[in-house]
N, C-alpha and C. Protein backbone atom coordinates (compact mmCIF):
# COMPACT_ATOMS: atom_id res chain seq x y z
N UNK A 1 -7.34 139.21 80.08
CA UNK A 1 -6.73 140.62 79.94
C UNK A 1 -5.28 141.17 80.06
N UNK A 2 -4.64 139.96 81.52
CA UNK A 2 -3.44 140.22 81.60
C UNK A 2 -2.59 140.18 80.44
N UNK A 3 -3.11 139.05 79.29
CA UNK A 3 -2.26 138.42 78.68
C UNK A 3 -2.24 139.43 77.04
N UNK A 4 -3.51 140.22 77.07
CA UNK A 4 -3.71 141.34 76.01
C UNK A 4 -2.64 142.12 76.53
N UNK A 5 -2.95 142.99 77.80
CA UNK A 5 -2.08 144.14 78.23
C UNK A 5 -0.74 144.20 77.95
N UNK A 6 -0.24 142.50 78.74
CA UNK A 6 1.25 142.47 78.01
C UNK A 6 1.86 142.44 76.83
N UNK A 7 0.86 141.93 75.88
CA UNK A 7 1.40 141.71 74.42
C UNK A 7 0.98 143.17 74.06
N UNK A 8 0.19 144.04 74.35
CA UNK A 8 0.00 145.56 74.04
C UNK A 8 1.67 146.12 74.68
N UNK A 9 1.83 145.84 75.58
CA UNK A 9 3.23 146.36 75.85
C UNK A 9 4.41 146.39 75.37
N UNK A 10 4.47 144.66 74.76
CA UNK A 10 5.61 144.11 74.47
C UNK A 10 5.62 145.29 72.77
N UNK A 11 4.45 145.10 72.20
CA UNK A 11 3.96 145.71 70.97
C UNK A 11 4.60 147.10 70.98
N UNK A 12 4.35 147.59 71.72
CA UNK A 12 4.41 149.26 72.01
C UNK A 12 6.12 149.96 72.35
N UNK A 13 6.73 148.52 73.41
CA UNK A 13 7.91 148.92 73.71
C UNK A 13 9.28 148.97 72.77
N UNK A 14 8.93 148.27 71.60
CA UNK A 14 9.55 147.98 70.71
C UNK A 14 9.80 149.40 69.92
N UNK A 15 10.25 150.20 69.82
CA UNK A 15 11.17 151.44 68.85
C UNK A 15 10.12 150.92 67.25
N UNK A 16 9.29 151.84 66.98
CA UNK A 16 8.82 151.66 65.49
C UNK A 16 9.84 151.87 64.72
N UNK A 17 9.72 150.99 63.55
CA UNK A 17 10.77 150.84 62.65
C UNK A 17 9.89 151.74 61.21
N UNK A 18 11.71 152.53 60.79
CA UNK A 18 10.81 153.52 59.75
C UNK A 18 11.57 153.36 58.91
N UNK A 19 12.73 152.53 58.81
CA UNK A 19 13.40 152.84 57.15
C UNK A 19 12.91 151.25 56.86
N UNK A 20 13.71 150.58 55.44
CA UNK A 20 13.36 149.25 55.03
C UNK A 20 13.71 148.13 55.53
N UNK A 21 15.26 148.39 56.15
CA UNK A 21 16.18 147.89 56.98
C UNK A 21 15.69 147.85 57.83
N UNK A 22 14.65 148.34 58.66
CA UNK A 22 14.42 147.77 59.76
C UNK A 22 12.82 147.18 59.55
N UNK A 23 12.47 146.92 58.77
CA UNK A 23 11.16 146.30 58.16
C UNK A 23 11.05 144.86 59.06
N UNK A 24 12.21 144.68 59.12
CA UNK A 24 12.46 143.06 59.45
C UNK A 24 12.13 143.06 61.32
N UNK A 25 12.10 143.91 61.99
CA UNK A 25 12.00 144.04 63.32
C UNK A 25 10.58 144.26 63.21
N UNK A 26 10.33 145.27 62.85
CA UNK A 26 8.66 144.80 62.63
C UNK A 26 8.23 143.29 63.07
N UNK A 27 8.47 142.71 61.93
CA UNK A 27 8.35 141.26 62.42
C UNK A 27 8.18 140.44 63.03
N UNK A 28 9.77 141.24 64.09
CA UNK A 28 10.03 140.24 65.16
C UNK A 28 9.08 140.75 66.17
N UNK A 29 8.46 142.22 66.09
CA UNK A 29 8.17 142.73 67.07
C UNK A 29 6.30 141.71 66.83
N UNK A 30 5.66 141.62 65.83
CA UNK A 30 4.45 140.79 65.84
C UNK A 30 5.03 139.22 66.45
N UNK A 31 6.06 138.74 66.43
CA UNK A 31 5.73 137.42 66.71
C UNK A 31 6.56 137.40 68.23
N UNK A 32 7.00 138.01 68.87
CA UNK A 32 6.65 138.57 70.21
C UNK A 32 5.55 138.92 70.57
N UNK A 33 4.68 139.59 70.20
CA UNK A 33 3.20 139.69 70.54
C UNK A 33 2.62 138.69 70.46
N UNK A 34 2.83 137.42 69.42
CA UNK A 34 1.75 136.52 69.59
C UNK A 34 2.17 135.52 70.67
N UNK A 35 3.55 135.38 70.47
CA UNK A 35 4.31 134.26 71.41
C UNK A 35 3.65 134.50 72.55
N UNK A 36 3.01 135.90 73.21
CA UNK A 36 2.61 135.73 74.56
C UNK A 36 1.59 135.79 74.70
N UNK A 37 0.56 136.09 73.35
CA UNK A 37 -0.73 135.97 73.38
C UNK A 37 -0.64 134.45 73.48
N UNK A 38 -0.20 133.29 72.78
CA UNK A 38 -0.22 132.25 73.02
C UNK A 38 -0.40 131.40 73.82
N UNK A 39 0.79 132.10 74.68
CA UNK A 39 0.55 131.32 75.68
C UNK A 39 -0.03 132.06 76.98
N UNK A 40 -0.55 133.23 77.10
CA UNK A 40 -1.92 133.69 78.03
C UNK A 40 -3.26 132.82 77.20
N UNK A 41 -3.39 132.00 76.18
CA UNK A 41 -4.24 131.65 75.55
C UNK A 41 -4.03 129.89 75.66
N UNK A 42 -3.01 129.37 75.98
CA UNK A 42 -2.83 128.23 75.90
C UNK A 42 -3.70 128.29 77.19
N UNK A 43 -3.32 128.86 78.10
CA UNK A 43 -3.58 128.58 79.84
C UNK A 43 -4.47 128.73 79.84
N UNK A 44 -5.38 129.70 79.40
CA UNK A 44 -7.47 129.98 79.26
C UNK A 44 -8.16 128.45 78.41
N UNK A 45 -7.60 128.01 77.49
CA UNK A 45 -7.79 127.20 77.02
C UNK A 45 -7.83 125.83 78.13
N UNK A 46 -6.18 125.45 78.18
CA UNK A 46 -6.73 124.64 79.56
C UNK A 46 -7.47 124.73 80.72
N UNK A 47 -7.71 125.68 80.94
CA UNK A 47 -8.25 125.86 82.42
C UNK A 47 -9.66 125.83 81.84
N UNK A 48 -10.01 126.48 81.09
CA UNK A 48 -11.73 126.37 80.49
C UNK A 48 -11.56 124.74 80.15
N UNK A 49 -11.09 124.07 79.55
CA UNK A 49 -11.49 122.65 79.28
C UNK A 49 -11.73 121.58 80.54
N UNK A 50 -10.49 122.12 81.08
CA UNK A 50 -10.94 121.27 82.40
C UNK A 50 -12.30 121.51 83.26
N UNK A 51 -12.87 123.11 83.27
CA UNK A 51 -13.22 123.69 83.97
C UNK A 51 -14.58 123.56 83.36
N UNK A 52 -14.74 123.50 81.67
CA UNK A 52 -15.80 122.91 81.30
C UNK A 52 -16.42 121.49 81.52
N UNK A 53 -15.70 120.44 81.31
CA UNK A 53 -15.59 118.95 81.57
C UNK A 53 -15.94 118.24 82.78
N UNK A 54 -16.01 119.17 83.92
CA UNK A 54 -15.75 118.89 85.59
C UNK A 54 -16.62 119.27 85.92
N UNK A 55 -18.00 120.05 85.26
CA UNK A 55 -19.00 120.38 85.78
C UNK A 55 -19.99 119.89 85.65
N UNK A 56 -20.88 119.50 86.61
CA UNK A 56 -22.41 119.12 86.29
C UNK A 56 -23.26 119.29 85.84
N UNK A 57 -23.94 119.33 84.66
CA UNK A 57 -25.15 120.49 83.38
C UNK A 57 -26.64 119.67 84.14
N UNK A 58 -27.56 120.27 83.58
CA UNK A 58 -28.75 119.88 83.71
C UNK A 58 -29.26 118.56 82.90
N UNK A 59 -28.66 118.16 81.83
CA UNK A 59 -28.46 116.88 81.04
C UNK A 59 -27.23 115.90 81.53
N UNK A 60 -26.07 116.46 81.58
CA UNK A 60 -24.91 115.52 82.04
C UNK A 60 -23.96 115.65 83.39
N UNK A 61 -23.66 114.34 83.31
CA UNK A 61 -22.71 114.18 85.40
C UNK A 61 -21.72 114.86 85.42
N UNK A 62 -20.89 115.24 85.85
CA UNK A 62 -19.47 115.94 85.40
C UNK A 62 -18.36 114.71 85.24
N UNK A 63 -17.75 115.08 84.31
CA UNK A 63 -16.28 113.92 84.18
C UNK A 63 -15.60 113.83 85.61
N UNK A 64 -15.12 112.48 85.69
CA UNK A 64 -13.59 112.34 86.38
C UNK A 64 -12.62 113.72 86.58
N UNK A 65 -11.79 113.84 87.49
CA UNK A 65 -10.93 114.80 87.42
C UNK A 65 -9.38 114.57 86.91
N UNK A 66 -9.00 113.01 86.75
CA UNK A 66 -8.33 112.57 86.45
C UNK A 66 -8.33 112.29 84.65
N UNK A 67 -9.33 111.89 84.27
CA UNK A 67 -9.82 112.12 83.20
C UNK A 67 -9.69 113.67 82.69
N UNK A 68 -10.56 114.31 83.45
CA UNK A 68 -10.59 116.00 82.98
C UNK A 68 -9.12 116.60 82.93
N UNK A 69 -8.36 115.93 83.05
CA UNK A 69 -6.66 116.91 83.25
C UNK A 69 -6.24 116.21 81.51
N UNK A 70 -6.09 114.74 81.12
CA UNK A 70 -6.15 114.55 80.17
C UNK A 70 -6.70 114.82 79.15
N UNK A 71 -8.28 115.40 79.02
CA UNK A 71 -8.81 116.80 78.27
C UNK A 71 -7.64 117.67 78.32
N UNK A 72 -8.13 118.44 79.18
CA UNK A 72 -7.53 119.54 79.54
C UNK A 72 -5.84 119.83 78.72
N UNK A 73 -5.25 118.99 79.22
CA UNK A 73 -3.73 118.87 78.43
C UNK A 73 -3.53 119.35 77.24
N UNK A 74 -4.39 117.55 76.82
CA UNK A 74 -4.37 117.53 75.29
C UNK A 74 -5.24 119.23 74.59
N UNK A 75 -5.98 119.84 74.95
CA UNK A 75 -6.45 120.69 74.49
C UNK A 75 -5.22 122.32 74.53
N UNK A 76 -4.78 122.52 75.97
CA UNK A 76 -4.20 123.03 76.18
C UNK A 76 -2.63 123.18 75.19
N UNK A 77 -2.15 122.06 75.10
CA UNK A 77 -0.80 121.46 73.84
C UNK A 77 -1.41 121.71 72.24
N UNK A 78 -2.50 121.88 72.06
CA UNK A 78 -2.86 121.70 70.21
C UNK A 78 -3.27 123.12 70.55
N UNK A 79 -3.46 124.03 71.41
CA UNK A 79 -4.12 125.68 70.94
C UNK A 79 -2.75 126.41 70.88
N UNK A 80 -2.18 125.78 71.87
CA UNK A 80 -1.01 126.83 72.07
C UNK A 80 0.53 126.58 71.16
N UNK A 81 0.30 125.55 70.26
CA UNK A 81 1.00 125.50 69.71
C UNK A 81 0.61 125.49 68.07
N UNK A 82 -0.22 125.53 67.78
CA UNK A 82 -0.60 125.90 66.20
C UNK A 82 -0.02 127.03 65.43
N UNK A 83 0.17 128.14 65.67
CA UNK A 83 1.22 128.98 65.51
C UNK A 83 2.71 128.41 65.05
N UNK A 84 3.10 127.44 66.05
CA UNK A 84 4.60 127.70 65.99
C UNK A 84 4.38 125.93 65.04
N UNK A 85 4.44 126.55 63.97
CA UNK A 85 4.93 125.41 62.31
C UNK A 85 5.77 124.53 62.44
N UNK A 86 6.67 124.54 63.03
CA UNK A 86 8.38 123.95 62.99
C UNK A 86 8.07 122.64 64.17
N UNK A 87 6.86 122.54 64.73
CA UNK A 87 7.10 121.81 65.96
C UNK A 87 5.42 121.41 66.21
N UNK A 88 4.71 121.60 65.17
CA UNK A 88 3.90 121.17 64.58
C UNK A 88 3.03 119.66 64.78
N UNK A 89 4.17 119.10 64.23
CA UNK A 89 3.47 117.79 64.32
C UNK A 89 4.08 117.41 65.02
N UNK A 90 4.89 117.31 65.71
CA UNK A 90 5.92 116.97 67.42
C UNK A 90 4.53 116.86 68.64
N UNK A 91 3.87 118.21 69.10
CA UNK A 91 2.53 118.21 69.73
C UNK A 91 1.50 118.05 69.13
N UNK A 92 1.16 118.77 67.94
CA UNK A 92 -0.37 118.92 67.59
C UNK A 92 -0.77 116.87 67.55
N UNK A 93 0.12 116.31 67.13
CA UNK A 93 0.18 115.05 66.25
C UNK A 93 -0.60 114.05 67.52
N UNK A 94 0.20 113.99 68.37
CA UNK A 94 0.09 113.55 70.08
C UNK A 94 -1.39 113.72 70.73
N UNK A 95 -1.76 115.51 70.55
CA UNK A 95 -2.26 115.89 71.18
C UNK A 95 -3.85 114.98 70.62
N UNK A 96 -3.99 115.31 69.16
CA UNK A 96 -4.95 114.98 68.04
C UNK A 96 -5.28 113.42 68.77
N UNK A 97 -4.24 112.71 68.83
CA UNK A 97 -4.52 111.18 69.14
C UNK A 97 -5.02 110.87 70.70
N UNK A 98 -4.37 111.71 71.32
CA UNK A 98 -4.85 111.53 72.51
C UNK A 98 -6.89 112.18 73.15
N UNK A 99 -6.62 113.17 71.75
CA UNK A 99 -8.53 113.26 72.18
C UNK A 99 -9.15 112.32 71.51
N UNK A 100 -8.72 111.55 70.41
CA UNK A 100 -9.83 110.11 69.57
C UNK A 100 -9.55 109.78 70.49
N UNK A 101 -8.57 109.09 71.41
CA UNK A 101 -8.87 107.73 72.31
C UNK A 101 -9.60 108.24 73.57
N UNK A 102 -9.48 109.83 74.10
CA UNK A 102 -10.47 109.84 75.13
C UNK A 102 -11.59 110.29 74.33
N UNK A 103 -12.43 110.63 73.54
CA UNK A 103 -13.35 110.83 72.79
C UNK A 103 -13.72 109.08 72.71
N UNK A 104 -12.65 108.62 72.04
CA UNK A 104 -13.73 106.90 71.92
C UNK A 104 -13.77 106.08 72.72
N UNK A 105 -13.13 106.10 74.12
CA UNK A 105 -13.20 105.70 75.10
C UNK A 105 -13.76 106.56 76.05
N UNK A 106 -14.84 107.30 75.81
CA UNK A 106 -15.92 107.87 76.55
C UNK A 106 -17.30 107.24 77.04
N UNK A 107 -17.57 107.58 78.08
CA UNK A 107 -18.61 106.77 78.74
C UNK A 107 -19.92 107.73 78.28
N UNK A 108 -20.93 107.26 78.48
CA UNK A 108 -22.24 108.55 78.30
C UNK A 108 -22.32 108.47 79.72
N UNK A 109 -22.49 109.93 79.74
CA UNK A 109 -22.81 110.59 81.09
C UNK A 109 -23.54 111.35 80.95
N UNK A 110 -24.76 111.40 80.14
CA UNK A 110 -25.65 111.59 80.24
C UNK A 110 -26.67 110.85 81.13
N UNK A 111 -27.55 112.00 81.39
CA UNK A 111 -28.72 111.81 82.81
C UNK A 111 -29.70 111.19 81.94
N UNK A 112 -30.51 110.92 83.21
CA UNK A 112 -31.14 109.11 82.82
C UNK A 112 -32.50 110.01 82.34
N UNK A 113 -32.86 111.34 82.28
CA UNK A 113 -33.92 111.82 81.82
C UNK A 113 -33.70 111.95 80.27
N UNK A 114 -32.50 112.63 80.20
CA UNK A 114 -31.69 112.79 78.60
C UNK A 114 -31.68 111.12 77.97
N UNK A 115 -31.24 110.50 78.36
CA UNK A 115 -31.32 108.95 77.89
C UNK A 115 -33.05 108.64 77.30
N UNK A 116 -33.95 108.94 78.63
CA UNK A 116 -35.42 108.02 78.04
C UNK A 116 -35.62 109.21 76.70
N UNK A 117 -35.73 110.68 76.94
CA UNK A 117 -35.53 111.58 75.92
C UNK A 117 -35.16 111.10 74.59
N UNK A 118 -33.84 110.92 74.52
CA UNK A 118 -33.40 110.17 73.29
C UNK A 118 -33.88 109.03 72.47
N UNK A 119 -34.21 108.05 73.38
CA UNK A 119 -35.12 106.99 73.37
C UNK A 119 -36.08 106.98 72.75
N UNK A 120 -36.84 107.85 73.16
CA UNK A 120 -38.08 108.67 72.44
C UNK A 120 -38.03 109.15 71.13
N UNK A 121 -37.02 109.72 70.84
CA UNK A 121 -36.61 110.49 69.65
C UNK A 121 -36.40 109.60 68.45
N UNK A 122 -36.03 108.44 69.30
CA UNK A 122 -35.34 107.24 68.15
C UNK A 122 -36.58 106.54 67.94
N UNK A 123 -37.47 106.40 68.47
CA UNK A 123 -38.23 105.67 68.01
C UNK A 123 -39.62 106.13 67.77
N UNK A 124 -39.79 107.67 67.29
CA UNK A 124 -40.59 108.34 66.74
C UNK A 124 -40.00 108.74 65.53
N UNK A 125 -38.25 108.85 65.57
CA UNK A 125 -37.92 109.11 63.64
C UNK A 125 -38.29 107.60 63.03
N UNK A 126 -38.20 106.61 63.91
CA UNK A 126 -37.55 105.16 63.11
C UNK A 126 -39.64 105.71 62.51
N UNK A 127 -40.45 105.49 63.48
CA UNK A 127 -41.55 105.41 63.00
C UNK A 127 -42.32 105.96 61.81
N UNK A 128 -41.59 107.37 61.60
CA UNK A 128 -41.80 108.03 60.60
C UNK A 128 -40.80 107.58 59.29
N UNK A 129 -39.78 107.67 59.01
CA UNK A 129 -39.11 106.86 58.55
C UNK A 129 -39.06 105.53 57.84
N UNK A 130 -39.88 104.79 58.50
CA UNK A 130 -40.16 103.13 58.44
C UNK A 130 -41.13 103.10 57.27
N UNK A 131 -42.27 103.90 57.62
CA UNK A 131 -43.39 104.05 56.25
C UNK A 131 -42.64 104.22 54.64
N UNK A 132 -42.87 103.78 53.66
CA UNK A 132 -42.43 103.51 52.80
C UNK A 132 -43.03 104.87 51.73
N UNK A 133 -44.31 105.14 52.16
CA UNK A 133 -45.15 106.32 51.73
C UNK A 133 -43.89 107.77 51.54
N UNK A 134 -44.17 107.96 52.83
CA UNK A 134 -42.98 109.17 53.44
C UNK A 134 -42.14 109.21 53.25
N UNK A 135 -40.56 107.72 53.40
CA UNK A 135 -39.27 107.89 52.59
C UNK A 135 -39.16 108.05 51.22
N UNK A 136 -40.38 107.49 50.45
CA UNK A 136 -40.06 107.20 48.71
C UNK A 136 -40.22 108.88 48.47
N UNK A 137 -41.48 109.54 49.12
CA UNK A 137 -42.14 111.12 48.95
C UNK A 137 -41.01 111.90 48.80
N UNK A 138 -40.03 111.70 50.56
CA UNK A 138 -38.90 112.56 50.80
C UNK A 138 -37.76 112.55 49.92
N UNK A 139 -37.42 110.86 49.23
CA UNK A 139 -36.33 110.79 48.53
C UNK A 139 -36.56 111.66 47.26
N UNK A 140 -38.13 111.56 46.55
CA UNK A 140 -38.15 112.59 45.31
C UNK A 140 -38.28 113.76 45.52
N UNK A 141 -38.55 114.18 46.25
CA UNK A 141 -38.29 115.40 46.42
C UNK A 141 -36.72 116.21 47.21
N UNK A 142 -36.00 115.39 47.86
CA UNK A 142 -34.69 115.58 47.89
C UNK A 142 -33.92 115.65 46.68
N UNK A 143 -34.65 114.61 45.85
CA UNK A 143 -33.72 114.60 44.60
C UNK A 143 -34.00 115.31 43.86
N UNK A 144 -35.14 115.55 43.73
CA UNK A 144 -35.41 117.22 42.99
C UNK A 144 -34.77 118.32 43.23
N UNK A 145 -34.69 119.22 44.41
CA UNK A 145 -33.67 119.88 45.17
C UNK A 145 -32.51 119.81 44.52
N UNK A 146 -31.96 118.62 44.94
CA UNK A 146 -30.53 118.78 44.50
C UNK A 146 -30.39 118.67 42.66
N UNK A 147 -30.96 118.08 42.23
CA UNK A 147 -30.78 118.52 40.82
C UNK A 147 -31.06 119.65 40.55
N UNK A 148 -32.34 120.06 41.13
CA UNK A 148 -32.41 121.66 40.45
C UNK A 148 -31.04 122.72 40.81
N UNK A 149 -30.69 121.94 42.02
CA UNK A 149 -29.16 123.22 42.66
C UNK A 149 -28.23 123.07 41.59
N UNK A 150 -27.77 121.81 41.42
CA UNK A 150 -26.82 121.53 40.48
C UNK A 150 -27.27 122.43 39.42
N UNK A 151 -28.08 121.99 38.65
CA UNK A 151 -28.63 122.68 37.19
C UNK A 151 -28.18 124.08 37.56
N UNK A 152 -29.01 125.02 38.26
CA UNK A 152 -29.32 126.14 38.97
C UNK A 152 -27.34 127.08 39.54
N UNK A 153 -26.44 125.99 39.43
CA UNK A 153 -25.13 125.97 40.11
C UNK A 153 -24.46 126.22 38.73
N UNK A 154 -24.52 125.41 38.07
CA UNK A 154 -23.88 125.62 36.35
C UNK A 154 -24.30 126.73 35.59
N UNK A 155 -26.24 126.87 35.93
CA UNK A 155 -26.22 127.94 34.68
C UNK A 155 -25.91 129.06 35.63
N UNK A 156 -25.86 129.59 36.85
CA UNK A 156 -25.25 130.42 37.39
C UNK A 156 -24.04 130.98 37.21
N UNK A 157 -23.44 129.72 37.03
CA UNK A 157 -21.66 130.16 37.01
C UNK A 157 -21.41 130.54 35.52
N UNK A 158 -21.73 130.02 34.76
CA UNK A 158 -21.51 130.30 33.39
C UNK A 158 -21.86 131.90 33.06
N UNK A 159 -22.92 132.11 33.99
CA UNK A 159 -24.04 133.37 33.54
C UNK A 159 -22.99 134.85 34.69
N UNK A 160 -22.94 134.51 35.91
CA UNK A 160 -22.50 135.72 36.35
C UNK A 160 -21.09 134.86 36.65
N UNK A 161 -20.46 133.46 36.84
CA UNK A 161 -18.96 133.19 36.89
C UNK A 161 -19.39 132.20 38.77
N UNK A 162 -18.42 131.26 39.21
CA UNK A 162 -18.33 130.11 39.34
C UNK A 162 -17.92 130.71 40.90
N UNK A 163 -17.41 132.20 41.34
CA UNK A 163 -17.45 133.14 42.31
C UNK A 163 -18.20 132.65 43.51
N UNK A 164 -19.36 133.34 42.76
CA UNK A 164 -20.67 133.50 43.74
C UNK A 164 -22.17 132.47 43.97
N UNK A 165 -21.88 131.76 42.70
CA UNK A 165 -23.05 130.33 42.14
C UNK A 165 -23.13 129.30 43.02
N UNK A 166 -21.81 129.24 43.84
CA UNK A 166 -21.75 127.88 45.15
C UNK A 166 -22.89 128.40 46.06
N UNK A 167 -23.28 129.77 46.06
CA UNK A 167 -23.88 130.23 46.97
C UNK A 167 -25.59 129.52 47.05
N UNK A 168 -25.81 129.10 46.07
CA UNK A 168 -27.28 127.93 45.38
C UNK A 168 -27.15 126.82 46.41
N UNK A 169 -26.12 126.15 46.76
CA UNK A 169 -26.18 124.98 47.81
C UNK A 169 -26.49 125.43 49.12
N UNK A 170 -26.67 126.46 49.45
CA UNK A 170 -27.21 126.81 50.97
C UNK A 170 -28.05 127.23 50.62
N UNK A 171 -29.10 127.72 49.89
CA UNK A 171 -30.53 127.85 49.84
C UNK A 171 -30.45 126.34 49.52
N UNK A 172 -30.17 125.23 48.60
CA UNK A 172 -30.58 124.16 48.56
C UNK A 172 -30.64 123.16 50.25
N UNK A 173 -29.70 123.92 50.81
CA UNK A 173 -30.19 122.72 51.84
C UNK A 173 -30.88 123.66 52.79
N UNK A 174 -31.33 124.84 53.02
CA UNK A 174 -32.05 125.33 53.92
C UNK A 174 -33.47 124.66 53.32
N UNK A 175 -33.60 124.53 52.08
CA UNK A 175 -35.50 124.23 51.50
C UNK A 175 -35.26 123.05 51.27
N UNK A 176 -34.19 121.69 52.03
CA UNK A 176 -34.31 120.66 52.17
C UNK A 176 -34.51 120.54 53.34
N UNK A 177 -33.86 121.05 54.11
CA UNK A 177 -34.29 121.07 55.73
C UNK A 177 -36.19 121.41 56.39
N UNK A 178 -36.11 122.59 55.27
CA UNK A 178 -38.15 123.36 55.37
C UNK A 178 -38.82 121.88 54.97
N UNK A 179 -38.31 121.47 54.04
CA UNK A 179 -39.10 119.85 53.24
C UNK A 179 -38.94 118.72 54.43
N UNK A 180 -38.26 118.85 54.90
CA UNK A 180 -37.97 117.50 56.24
C UNK A 180 -38.95 117.87 56.99
N UNK A 181 -38.90 119.91 57.67
CA UNK A 181 -39.90 120.02 58.86
C UNK A 181 -41.06 119.52 58.27
N UNK A 182 -41.29 119.61 56.96
CA UNK A 182 -42.78 120.12 56.89
C UNK A 182 -43.73 118.35 56.60
N UNK A 183 -42.59 117.78 56.12
CA UNK A 183 -42.95 116.40 56.16
C UNK A 183 -42.95 115.09 57.27
N UNK A 184 -41.98 115.69 58.27
CA UNK A 184 -42.34 115.36 59.92
C UNK A 184 -42.87 115.85 60.57
N UNK A 185 -44.29 115.34 60.81
CA UNK A 185 -44.97 116.12 61.67
C UNK A 185 -44.84 115.05 63.03
N UNK A 186 -44.09 115.64 63.95
CA UNK A 186 -44.36 114.32 65.01
C UNK A 186 -45.77 114.81 65.53
N UNK A 187 -46.30 113.83 66.41
CA UNK A 187 -47.71 113.70 67.32
C UNK A 187 -47.48 114.64 68.14
N UNK A 188 -48.77 115.22 68.14
CA UNK A 188 -49.14 116.28 69.08
C UNK A 188 -49.09 116.12 69.86
N UNK A 189 -49.09 116.68 71.23
CA UNK A 189 -49.35 116.44 72.35
C UNK A 189 -50.35 116.22 73.01
N UNK A 190 -51.88 116.94 71.99
CA UNK A 190 -52.76 116.24 73.13
C UNK A 190 -53.65 115.02 72.30
N UNK A 191 -52.58 114.45 71.35
CA UNK A 191 -53.26 113.27 70.97
C UNK A 191 -52.96 112.18 72.51
N UNK A 192 -52.53 112.52 72.72
CA UNK A 192 -51.85 111.56 73.74
C UNK A 192 -52.82 111.72 75.11
N UNK A 193 -53.04 113.01 75.37
CA UNK A 193 -54.14 113.15 76.91
C UNK A 193 -55.51 112.15 76.21
N UNK A 194 -56.00 111.34 77.69
CA UNK A 194 -56.99 111.21 77.26
C UNK A 194 -58.29 112.15 77.35
N UNK A 195 -59.21 111.82 76.68
CA UNK A 195 -60.64 112.64 76.55
C UNK A 195 -61.22 112.66 78.01
């Protein structure tokens, strides 16, 4: 809120330009406002990144404060300088490198019940997709969906224009997910209960 208020004060304190010669002054006013907002957004992103990764959740343990500072610093330097194109490479690329290193070297902070649930899900999915009949049926239906989607895309592209015909791929993705949901029926919980 403080950042928004300061940015609004900076915007309205400069006199409105009225002539074409003063139009450049409007650009300077906008740059000042964006500069003020970027400063406060950078502080917020850095703080919330640190707080977000150091909090224990129901499924994850908190990250160490030293590692969290690296995450917060990388997030803050990247977010704060998105608009500064002249120095983009000098700040965003190193922070992207730090993010990559941190993500690749991150240990699993999941709690034990989350790990067990993940293993059960992998076992269930493996059992379903290792069945050759189910896998073949799903492959044929998937192929048919995407061949039809490509055909409809081309047909609609020529009839109504390619500007809107790409929407067919959104519907094809939804149909694909529905087919997968229908074909993959996990074991019912009452099947495990002894009579």
